[in-house]
Every structure is written in C-alpha cells, then in structure tokens.
Amino acid sequence: MLLTPLWLTIISLLVSLTFAREEFKENSLESIGHESNSFLPNYLGYFFVAFSVPTIDTLVFAFAVLSVFAFFSQAMYFNPILLLLRYNFYSAETSDGTSIFIISRGEYRVPRQVAFDNARRINDFTFLEIGEK
C-alpha cells in the first residue's frame, strides 16, 4: 500500500514524456522563487482532517468537499512524492509577464541564467523538466 503512490508517480513521469516539449532560453525568465516547502500547510490540513473524523463515511465526505474546493480554488497542489524523487518546485515569471510553475531537479537561483530545452508542458502554466541535473 505504501508503494502504490510511488509507482503511480513514476508512471506519471513516464507518461509526461509524451507531452509537448518546451524550451526555455537564458534571459527568458524575469524572476524565480523556490516553492518546495509551500505544500506543507495544504497537506497538513488534509492530514489533521483525516485524524479528527470518527467514521469512514464522514471522512469520504470531508475529503470530497475539500477536493472540490481545492480544484475550484486553482491552488498549486503538487505531488509530494516528487520531493522524495529530488524534484524542486519553482514559481517563475517570464519576460512577457506570465506566471508559470516549473518542476525540475535543477537548482535555480538566478532567473536570467535558467535555460533548459527538455521541459514538458503539463498545462498552460506548469512545466516539468525531464532529465538529470
């Protein structure tokens, strides 16, 4: 049961290889910020809800309601298993002012020096950099 999330994450990474390829050249980002620790408050909320619910029916209902609110809030939720696989999460702004989310094994600190040609587009604003850094 504990290996199921890990295997599903690995499968999702393999499936992402089929997504459209994107390229980021140097000087294409205006700003970049590390977001790897921002998931903690979100997932702790689910964790405490799970421990405070007396029955399985109430638990399923609570998680269903929380999932609907999370979906419609358009919050950035990402898979914490990726942290165990050494991925980092970054919020960035492109030179044209678009805010994007980058998932990568790279360590990025200076936005003007960020450059990679092996990113996969997950959606219009989220990119997964494939490959070892």
N, C-alpha and C. Protein backbone atom coordinates (compact mmCIF):
# COMPACT_ATOMS: atom_id res chain seq x y z
N MET A 1 0.83 -1.20 0.00
CA MET A 1 0.00 0.00 0.00
C MET A 1 0.87 1.27 0.00
N LEU A 2 2.00 1.19 0.67
CA LEU A 2 2.87 2.37 0.71
C LEU A 2 3.60 2.61 -0.62
N LEU A 3 3.79 1.56 -1.40
CA LEU A 3 4.49 1.72 -2.67
C LEU A 3 3.58 2.19 -3.80
N THR A 4 2.28 2.09 -3.62
CA THR A 4 1.34 2.50 -4.68
C THR A 4 1.52 3.96 -5.10
N PRO A 5 1.58 4.92 -4.17
CA PRO A 5 1.80 6.31 -4.62
C PRO A 5 3.13 6.50 -5.35
N LEU A 6 4.16 5.81 -4.91
CA LEU A 6 5.45 5.93 -5.57
C LEU A 6 5.39 5.39 -6.99
N TRP A 7 4.78 4.23 -7.18
CA TRP A 7 4.66 3.66 -8.52
C TRP A 7 3.79 4.52 -9.43
N LEU A 8 2.70 5.05 -8.90
CA LEU A 8 1.85 5.92 -9.70
C LEU A 8 2.58 7.20 -10.11
N THR A 9 3.42 7.71 -9.23
CA THR A 9 4.21 8.90 -9.56
C THR A 9 5.21 8.60 -10.66
N ILE A 10 5.88 7.46 -10.56
CA ILE A 10 6.84 7.07 -11.58
C ILE A 10 6.14 6.87 -12.93
N ILE A 11 4.98 6.25 -12.91
CA ILE A 11 4.21 6.07 -14.14
C ILE A 11 3.82 7.43 -14.73
N SER A 12 3.41 8.37 -13.88
CA SER A 12 3.03 9.69 -14.39
C SER A 12 4.23 10.42 -14.99
N LEU A 13 5.42 10.22 -14.43
CA LEU A 13 6.62 10.83 -15.01
C LEU A 13 6.92 10.22 -16.39
N LEU A 14 6.71 8.92 -16.51
CA LEU A 14 6.92 8.27 -17.81
C LEU A 14 5.89 8.75 -18.84
N VAL A 15 4.64 8.91 -18.41
CA VAL A 15 3.61 9.41 -19.32
C VAL A 15 3.92 10.84 -19.76
N SER A 16 4.52 11.63 -18.87
CA SER A 16 4.82 13.02 -19.22
C SER A 16 5.83 13.13 -20.36
N LEU A 17 6.56 12.06 -20.64
CA LEU A 17 7.49 12.07 -21.78
C LEU A 17 6.76 12.25 -23.10
N THR A 18 5.47 11.96 -23.13
CA THR A 18 4.68 12.11 -24.35
C THR A 18 4.10 13.52 -24.51
N PHE A 19 4.24 14.37 -23.51
CA PHE A 19 3.69 15.72 -23.57
C PHE A 19 4.53 16.61 -24.48
N ALA A 20 3.95 17.72 -24.89
CA ALA A 20 4.64 18.67 -25.77
C ALA A 20 5.92 19.19 -25.12
N ARG A 21 6.96 19.28 -25.92
CA ARG A 21 8.26 19.75 -25.44
C ARG A 21 8.31 21.27 -25.49
N GLU A 22 8.89 21.86 -24.45
CA GLU A 22 9.06 23.31 -24.38
C GLU A 22 10.53 23.63 -24.12
N GLU A 23 10.94 24.81 -24.53
CA GLU A 23 12.32 25.23 -24.36
C GLU A 23 12.35 26.58 -23.67
N PHE A 24 13.22 26.71 -22.68
CA PHE A 24 13.43 27.98 -22.01
C PHE A 24 14.88 28.38 -22.25
N LYS A 25 15.08 29.53 -22.86
CA LYS A 25 16.42 30.03 -23.15
C LYS A 25 16.85 30.99 -22.04
N GLU A 26 18.15 31.23 -21.96
CA GLU A 26 18.64 32.21 -21.00
C GLU A 26 17.96 33.55 -21.25
N ASN A 27 17.74 34.27 -20.18
CA ASN A 27 17.07 35.58 -20.20
C ASN A 27 15.58 35.49 -20.51
N SER A 28 14.98 34.30 -20.45
CA SER A 28 13.55 34.19 -20.71
C SER A 28 12.72 34.35 -19.44
N LEU A 29 13.36 34.32 -18.27
CA LEU A 29 12.64 34.48 -17.00
C LEU A 29 13.07 35.76 -16.31
N GLU A 30 12.08 36.47 -15.78
CA GLU A 30 12.34 37.70 -15.02
C GLU A 30 12.58 37.41 -13.55
N SER A 31 11.86 36.43 -13.01
CA SER A 31 12.02 36.10 -11.60
C SER A 31 11.76 34.61 -11.41
N ILE A 32 12.32 34.08 -10.33
CA ILE A 32 12.10 32.67 -10.00
C ILE A 32 12.18 32.54 -8.48
N GLY A 33 11.29 31.74 -7.92
CA GLY A 33 11.25 31.54 -6.48
C GLY A 33 11.02 30.08 -6.14
N HIS A 34 11.67 29.61 -5.11
CA HIS A 34 11.57 28.22 -4.67
C HIS A 34 10.24 28.00 -3.96
N GLU A 35 9.50 26.98 -4.35
CA GLU A 35 8.18 26.70 -3.78
C GLU A 35 8.08 25.32 -3.14
N SER A 36 9.18 24.61 -2.95
CA SER A 36 9.14 23.23 -2.48
C SER A 36 8.54 23.07 -1.09
N ASN A 37 8.60 24.09 -0.27
CA ASN A 37 8.07 23.98 1.09
C ASN A 37 6.65 24.51 1.23
N SER A 38 6.09 25.06 0.17
CA SER A 38 4.76 25.65 0.28
C SER A 38 3.64 24.62 0.32
N PHE A 39 3.95 23.35 0.03
CA PHE A 39 2.92 22.32 0.06
C PHE A 39 2.54 21.93 1.48
N LEU A 40 3.41 22.15 2.43
CA LEU A 40 3.23 21.63 3.78
C LEU A 40 1.92 22.08 4.43
N PRO A 41 1.56 23.35 4.44
CA PRO A 41 0.29 23.74 5.07
C PRO A 41 -0.93 23.07 4.42
N ASN A 42 -0.91 22.92 3.11
CA ASN A 42 -2.04 22.31 2.41
C ASN A 42 -2.22 20.86 2.82
N TYR A 43 -1.16 20.09 2.80
CA TYR A 43 -1.27 18.67 3.11
C TYR A 43 -1.45 18.40 4.59
N LEU A 44 -0.93 19.27 5.45
CA LEU A 44 -1.17 19.11 6.89
C LEU A 44 -2.65 19.28 7.20
N GLY A 45 -3.32 20.16 6.48
CA GLY A 45 -4.76 20.33 6.67
C GLY A 45 -5.51 19.03 6.40
N TYR A 46 -5.19 18.36 5.30
CA TYR A 46 -5.82 17.07 4.99
C TYR A 46 -5.46 16.02 6.05
N PHE A 47 -4.24 16.04 6.49
CA PHE A 47 -3.75 15.08 7.49
C PHE A 47 -4.55 15.20 8.79
N PHE A 48 -4.73 16.44 9.28
CA PHE A 48 -5.45 16.63 10.53
C PHE A 48 -6.94 16.34 10.39
N VAL A 49 -7.50 16.63 9.23
CA VAL A 49 -8.90 16.28 8.99
C VAL A 49 -9.07 14.77 9.07
N ALA A 50 -8.14 14.03 8.48
CA ALA A 50 -8.23 12.57 8.47
C ALA A 50 -8.18 11.99 9.88
N PHE A 51 -7.42 12.60 10.76
CA PHE A 51 -7.32 12.07 12.14
C PHE A 51 -8.49 12.48 13.03
N SER A 52 -9.20 13.53 12.67
CA SER A 52 -10.27 14.01 13.54
C SER A 52 -11.65 13.50 13.17
N VAL A 53 -11.76 12.69 12.12
CA VAL A 53 -13.05 12.23 11.64
C VAL A 53 -13.36 10.86 12.25
N PRO A 54 -14.56 10.71 12.85
CA PRO A 54 -14.86 9.46 13.57
C PRO A 54 -15.23 8.26 12.68
N THR A 55 -15.84 8.50 11.52
CA THR A 55 -16.28 7.37 10.70
C THR A 55 -15.76 7.52 9.27
N ILE A 56 -15.72 6.42 8.56
CA ILE A 56 -15.23 6.43 7.18
C ILE A 56 -16.15 7.22 6.25
N ASP A 57 -17.46 7.18 6.52
CA ASP A 57 -18.41 7.94 5.71
C ASP A 57 -18.14 9.44 5.81
N THR A 58 -17.92 9.90 7.01
CA THR A 58 -17.62 11.32 7.23
C THR A 58 -16.29 11.69 6.59
N LEU A 59 -15.32 10.78 6.68
CA LEU A 59 -14.00 11.02 6.09
C LEU A 59 -14.11 11.18 4.57
N VAL A 60 -14.84 10.29 3.93
CA VAL A 60 -15.01 10.35 2.47
C VAL A 60 -15.72 11.64 2.08
N PHE A 61 -16.76 11.99 2.82
CA PHE A 61 -17.48 13.23 2.54
C PHE A 61 -16.57 14.45 2.70
N ALA A 62 -15.81 14.51 3.80
CA ALA A 62 -14.93 15.65 4.06
C ALA A 62 -13.87 15.78 2.96
N PHE A 63 -13.26 14.67 2.56
CA PHE A 63 -12.26 14.74 1.52
C PHE A 63 -12.86 15.10 0.16
N ALA A 64 -14.07 14.67 -0.10
CA ALA A 64 -14.74 15.04 -1.34
C ALA A 64 -14.97 16.54 -1.39
N VAL A 65 -15.48 17.10 -0.30
CA VAL A 65 -15.73 18.55 -0.24
C VAL A 65 -14.41 19.31 -0.35
N LEU A 66 -13.37 18.88 0.37
CA LEU A 66 -12.08 19.55 0.30
C LEU A 66 -11.49 19.47 -1.11
N SER A 67 -11.66 18.34 -1.77
CA SER A 67 -11.14 18.18 -3.13
C SER A 67 -11.83 19.12 -4.11
N VAL A 68 -13.14 19.27 -3.97
CA VAL A 68 -13.88 20.19 -4.84
C VAL A 68 -13.41 21.62 -4.62
N PHE A 69 -13.27 22.03 -3.35
CA PHE A 69 -12.79 23.39 -3.06
C PHE A 69 -11.37 23.59 -3.58
N ALA A 70 -10.50 22.60 -3.43
CA ALA A 70 -9.12 22.71 -3.91
C ALA A 70 -9.10 22.85 -5.43
N PHE A 71 -9.94 22.08 -6.10
CA PHE A 71 -9.99 22.14 -7.56
C PHE A 71 -10.44 23.51 -8.05
N PHE A 72 -11.50 24.03 -7.47
CA PHE A 72 -12.04 25.31 -7.93
C PHE A 72 -11.25 26.51 -7.45
N SER A 73 -10.41 26.35 -6.44
CA SER A 73 -9.60 27.47 -5.97
C SER A 73 -8.39 27.70 -6.86
N GLN A 74 -8.09 26.74 -7.75
CA GLN A 74 -6.94 26.82 -8.64
C GLN A 74 -5.63 27.00 -7.88
N ALA A 75 -5.56 26.44 -6.69
CA ALA A 75 -4.34 26.49 -5.91
C ALA A 75 -3.31 25.55 -6.53
N MET A 76 -2.05 25.82 -6.27
CA MET A 76 -0.98 24.96 -6.78
C MET A 76 -0.79 23.79 -5.84
N TYR A 77 -1.33 22.66 -6.20
CA TYR A 77 -1.12 21.43 -5.45
C TYR A 77 -0.23 20.55 -6.30
N PHE A 78 0.80 19.99 -5.69
CA PHE A 78 1.67 19.11 -6.44
C PHE A 78 1.96 17.88 -5.61
N ASN A 79 2.48 16.89 -6.26
CA ASN A 79 2.70 15.59 -5.67
C ASN A 79 3.91 15.63 -4.73
N PRO A 80 3.72 15.45 -3.43
CA PRO A 80 4.86 15.49 -2.51
C PRO A 80 5.83 14.33 -2.70
N ILE A 81 5.41 13.26 -3.39
CA ILE A 81 6.32 12.16 -3.68
C ILE A 81 7.46 12.65 -4.58
N LEU A 82 7.19 13.66 -5.41
CA LEU A 82 8.24 14.21 -6.26
C LEU A 82 9.39 14.79 -5.44
N LEU A 83 9.09 15.28 -4.23
CA LEU A 83 10.15 15.76 -3.35
C LEU A 83 11.10 14.62 -2.97
N LEU A 84 10.53 13.45 -2.74
CA LEU A 84 11.36 12.29 -2.42
C LEU A 84 12.22 11.87 -3.62
N LEU A 85 11.75 12.17 -4.82
CA LEU A 85 12.49 11.85 -6.04
C LEU A 85 13.43 13.00 -6.44
N ARG A 86 13.68 13.93 -5.52
CA ARG A 86 14.62 15.05 -5.64
C ARG A 86 14.19 16.13 -6.63
N TYR A 87 12.90 16.28 -6.85
CA TYR A 87 12.42 17.38 -7.69
C TYR A 87 12.23 18.62 -6.84
N ASN A 88 12.42 19.78 -7.45
CA ASN A 88 12.18 21.07 -6.81
C ASN A 88 11.03 21.75 -7.54
N PHE A 89 10.38 22.65 -6.85
CA PHE A 89 9.23 23.36 -7.40
C PHE A 89 9.52 24.85 -7.38
N TYR A 90 9.27 25.50 -8.51
CA TYR A 90 9.57 26.92 -8.64
C TYR A 90 8.38 27.67 -9.23
N SER A 91 8.14 28.85 -8.69
CA SER A 91 7.24 29.82 -9.33
C SER A 91 8.13 30.78 -10.08
N ALA A 92 7.78 31.08 -11.31
CA ALA A 92 8.60 31.97 -12.11
C ALA A 92 7.71 32.91 -12.91
N GLU A 93 8.32 33.99 -13.36
CA GLU A 93 7.63 34.92 -14.23
C GLU A 93 8.47 35.09 -15.49
N THR A 94 7.82 34.91 -16.63
CA THR A 94 8.53 35.04 -17.90
C THR A 94 8.76 36.51 -18.24
N SER A 95 9.56 36.74 -19.24
CA SER A 95 9.87 38.12 -19.63
C SER A 95 8.64 38.85 -20.17
N ASP A 96 7.61 38.10 -20.59
CA ASP A 96 6.38 38.76 -21.04
C ASP A 96 5.35 38.91 -19.93
N GLY A 97 5.73 38.56 -18.68
CA GLY A 97 4.87 38.77 -17.52
C GLY A 97 3.97 37.62 -17.13
N THR A 98 4.11 36.48 -17.78
CA THR A 98 3.29 35.31 -17.46
C THR A 98 3.86 34.57 -16.26
N SER A 99 3.02 34.23 -15.30
CA SER A 99 3.44 33.44 -14.14
C SER A 99 3.34 31.97 -14.49
N ILE A 100 4.43 31.23 -14.25
CA ILE A 100 4.46 29.81 -14.55
C ILE A 100 4.97 29.03 -13.34
N PHE A 101 4.78 27.73 -13.37
CA PHE A 101 5.22 26.83 -12.32
C PHE A 101 6.13 25.79 -12.97
N ILE A 102 7.34 25.63 -12.42
CA ILE A 102 8.33 24.71 -13.00
C ILE A 102 8.66 23.63 -11.98
N ILE A 103 8.60 22.38 -12.42
CA ILE A 103 9.00 21.24 -11.61
C ILE A 103 10.28 20.70 -12.23
N SER A 104 11.37 20.68 -11.44
CA SER A 104 12.68 20.34 -12.00
C SER A 104 13.59 19.76 -10.94
N ARG A 105 14.56 18.98 -11.36
CA ARG A 105 15.62 18.53 -10.46
C ARG A 105 16.73 19.55 -10.38
N GLY A 106 16.69 20.55 -11.21
CA GLY A 106 17.72 21.58 -11.21
C GLY A 106 17.61 22.51 -10.01
N GLU A 107 18.72 23.14 -9.69
CA GLU A 107 18.76 24.16 -8.63
C GLU A 107 18.88 25.51 -9.31
N TYR A 108 17.81 26.30 -9.26
CA TYR A 108 17.80 27.59 -9.94
C TYR A 108 17.68 28.70 -8.91
N ARG A 109 18.57 29.70 -9.04
CA ARG A 109 18.54 30.84 -8.14
C ARG A 109 18.51 32.17 -8.90
N VAL A 110 19.20 32.22 -10.02
CA VAL A 110 19.29 33.44 -10.82
C VAL A 110 18.41 33.27 -12.05
N PRO A 111 17.31 34.01 -12.13
CA PRO A 111 16.34 33.78 -13.21
C PRO A 111 16.91 33.97 -14.61
N ARG A 112 17.82 34.89 -14.82
CA ARG A 112 18.37 35.14 -16.15
C ARG A 112 19.27 34.00 -16.64
N GLN A 113 19.72 33.14 -15.70
CA GLN A 113 20.60 32.03 -16.09
C GLN A 113 19.86 30.71 -16.29
N VAL A 114 18.55 30.70 -16.07
CA VAL A 114 17.77 29.48 -16.24
C VAL A 114 17.62 29.19 -17.73
N ALA A 115 18.05 28.00 -18.13
CA ALA A 115 17.92 27.59 -19.52
C ALA A 115 17.84 26.08 -19.58
N PHE A 116 16.81 25.56 -20.24
CA PHE A 116 16.70 24.13 -20.48
C PHE A 116 15.80 23.90 -21.68
N ASP A 117 16.05 22.80 -22.38
CA ASP A 117 15.29 22.52 -23.59
C ASP A 117 14.52 21.21 -23.51
N ASN A 118 14.41 20.67 -22.32
CA ASN A 118 13.75 19.37 -22.17
C ASN A 118 12.55 19.44 -21.22
N ALA A 119 11.86 20.56 -21.21
CA ALA A 119 10.68 20.70 -20.36
C ALA A 119 9.46 20.13 -21.09
N ARG A 120 8.57 19.60 -20.33
CA ARG A 120 7.30 19.10 -20.90
C ARG A 120 6.17 19.96 -20.35
N ARG A 121 5.27 20.33 -21.22
CA ARG A 121 4.13 21.17 -20.82
C ARG A 121 3.05 20.29 -20.22
N ILE A 122 2.75 20.51 -18.92
CA ILE A 122 1.68 19.78 -18.25
C ILE A 122 0.35 20.48 -18.52
N ASN A 123 0.36 21.80 -18.38
CA ASN A 123 -0.77 22.62 -18.79
C ASN A 123 -0.21 23.97 -19.23
N ASP A 124 -1.04 24.96 -19.43
CA ASP A 124 -0.55 26.24 -19.96
C ASP A 124 0.46 26.94 -19.06
N PHE A 125 0.43 26.64 -17.76
CA PHE A 125 1.28 27.37 -16.83
C PHE A 125 2.18 26.48 -15.98
N THR A 126 2.22 25.19 -16.26
CA THR A 126 3.02 24.25 -15.48
C THR A 126 3.90 23.42 -16.41
N PHE A 127 5.19 23.35 -16.05
CA PHE A 127 6.16 22.67 -16.87
C PHE A 127 6.98 21.72 -16.01
N LEU A 128 7.30 20.56 -16.57
CA LEU A 128 8.09 19.53 -15.90
C LEU A 128 9.38 19.36 -16.68
N GLU A 129 10.51 19.66 -16.04
CA GLU A 129 11.80 19.48 -16.71
C GLU A 129 12.22 18.03 -16.55
N ILE A 130 12.39 17.35 -17.66
CA ILE A 130 12.77 15.93 -17.69
C ILE A 130 14.28 15.86 -17.80
N GLY A 131 14.86 14.95 -17.08
CA GLY A 131 16.30 14.74 -17.17
C GLY A 131 17.01 15.03 -15.87
N GLU A 132 18.20 14.54 -15.77
CA GLU A 132 19.01 14.66 -14.56
C GLU A 132 19.77 15.99 -14.59
N LYS A 133 19.87 16.62 -13.44
CA LYS A 133 20.66 17.86 -13.29
C LYS A 133 21.78 17.63 -12.33
